[in-house]
């Protein structure tokens, strides 16, 4: 009798672990991914721009600190935020609440 009860409990645990694995991203993950993408877009805006006409050449504007150094750093920072959001696992409370909602 006790063996059947422990076997049933272990099956329930396996089932709950399988349910936990269904959840890829939580609301926090999507929020952080959105913030990271916004940072990437800001970086691209910093990289672009300028009011040059096609027949003018201003090396100090094209090779400015903003376009050559700052913008790539901002883009890489945004990409690292997105990667961190992808690798961030859901919190235990979120897993429990979602699993209880499915039942």
Foldseek 3Di string as FASTA:
>chain_A
DVVVVVVVVVVVVVVLVVLLVVDQADPVLVVQLVVLVVLLVVLVVQQDDDDDDPVDDDPCVNPDCSNPPVSVVSNVVSVVSNVVSNPDGDDPVVSVVVVVVVD
